[in-house]
Amino acid sequence: MQTIGLLGGMSWESTAEYYRLLNELTRERLGGLHSARCVLYSVDFAEIERLQAEGRWEQAAEILAEAAGALESAGVDMLLICTNTMHKVADEVAAAVSVPLLHLADTTAEAVRARGLRRIGLLGTAFTMEQDFYRGRLERHGLTVLVPDAAARGTVHRVIYEELCLGVVREESRAAYRAVIDDLVAAGAEGIVLGCTEIELLIGPEHSPVPVFPTTRLHAEAAVTRALPSAQLPAP
């Protein structure tokens, strides 16, 4: 079993989901008392969020690259950045280590294509919805990416930072997200990418008329598949 390196804390609410999913998935596949081999480096999100807001992405990249180096020194075999937004600096983080970085947008795009879908709606932080680092990565997999209008993007972003990152889940926010999803579906979205790890605290398959793609779970599933050699998996 390989050791998974988690670059987390952005926010710790979603990083806790990563840890839970990695262990549940490992136990499901191996049975018994098996759990995932992983190392977590959790940063102070207040510092990262301030750099995001100020557009100081180079400094944020330096912090995450240093953390990634610490994970590599701890002996991890692969690296996960446990946040969609900070994949904006994924290239800088990957360049700082020799172990492979499992890119969240790639694992998501593969899951979308496996369902035979090509036109998707994207929910996430304003950075994720509006900038090319994430949308462009999805589009390079042959997907067409739709995002909400400016007002809806503002609502989605606000709920993430002011509620979900603090562990607050409100029914009125769920209703607002469902309305945004309905608008994306009306515009032609065949599926909805939950492109912020915290959104999975609020939205599940039952809240959308089309398939949803929970990026945290998909990322964790891909990591566990990579971490467990086929010889270690139970026979079908």
Foldseek 3Di string as FASTA:
>chain_A
DFEEEEEEPLPVLLVVVLQVLLQVVQCVFQPDNDGHHYDYDHDHNVVVVVCVVVVVLVVVLVVLLVVLVVRVVVPGQEYEHRWLLNLLSVVSNCVSDDHYYDHLLVLLLVVCVVVVDAEAEEFDACSCQPDCSRVVVSVVSVHHYDYFDPVLNVLSNCCVVVALSVVHEDPVSLVSVLVRQVVSVVVPHQEYEHRTSSCVVHDDQVSHPHHYGRSSSSSSVVVSVVRDPPVSGDDD
